[in-house]
């Protein structure tokens, strides 16, 4: 948070106390203050865009997994207002924060004021802090403030606070929306693959897609090998530890189907197959390691790679799968995935790469 305070001061040196407290509040609580009303948020957004004085299109990190996305970005990228509001609403659901967290940030701000040449004295700081706590218009010990008149006049702020998981992928959402709109006009489909390292967030990203787009989500985990397919020769193949033949037959060949299709999910624990249906939708997301196996051919319109560092990966595996499966992931499954990624040059083929 200290670095964010310093950067904010460099960008907005004439910030007043209200602007600093607003920054801290948004950092801690994200956009949880917006109404739980999508139509109202859309109306307010459109009204603000009509009268905004700045075309700033930056995305600024404000800490605690939150970012300010300036509204000029919408014009720059072409992302629709409706889609952006969906992202706002999902960010609202993901907002977190505590009162103690907010006041810890206030303490950091006070220390930063002593270190930086901020044109606000410590006495002025404490006087503002006292009035903020005693504000009779608020029932909470911390509350959101408006920007000061000075800040508005100097910097013309026009932005929305979005959780970083969505904000960092704004270019992706804009490109996918363009593809989907084009496909809808031409009555075709958009197929997207999310491949990458174990625990890097492939399933999480697919779930994010499902929140803001109407789409099918197909999981590569449904195509693990059956016991009799797990041979020594099979595992020597890069990407051989997935039933790529069945995936191509049941899914890859059918991704352009206008009527949807049936495929089957294999459960490794019960050794049973269950029927699943992909409905006729413009957007299909195939999520999971091996989703870009060369055996499938050129079936995707967009390729996404998810990665993380080895230490974080192993920590996540232990937390997610427990000690019982940890060694299997570490010594068998992760090395097989890495061999596939390296030999098939998966990352090099991707349009977007995200590190988590």
Foldseek 3Di string as FASTA:
>chain_A
DLVLLVVCCVVQVPFDLLRVLQLLCCQFFPPLVDDLDLVVVLVVLVVCVVPFPDLDQDWADSHPQKIWGAPNVCVVLVPDSSLVSLQVNVQNVVTHHDPVSSVVVLVSVLVSVVVDVRPADSVNSVVVLVCLCVPPVDPDSGDHGDGDPVCCVPPRGGTHMGGNVCVVCVNVSSVVVVVLVVCVVVVWAAEEEEAEAPPLQQVVVVVVCVSRDPEAEAEQQQFADQPVQPDPVQLVDQLSRGNVVLCLVQPLVCRGPQAWGKHWGADRVVRDIDIDIGGRDRYYYYTYHPPVPCVSPDRHPFYEYGEEDPVVNLVSCCVPPNPVCSCCVVPPVRVSSVSNCVVVVRVVPHPYYDYD
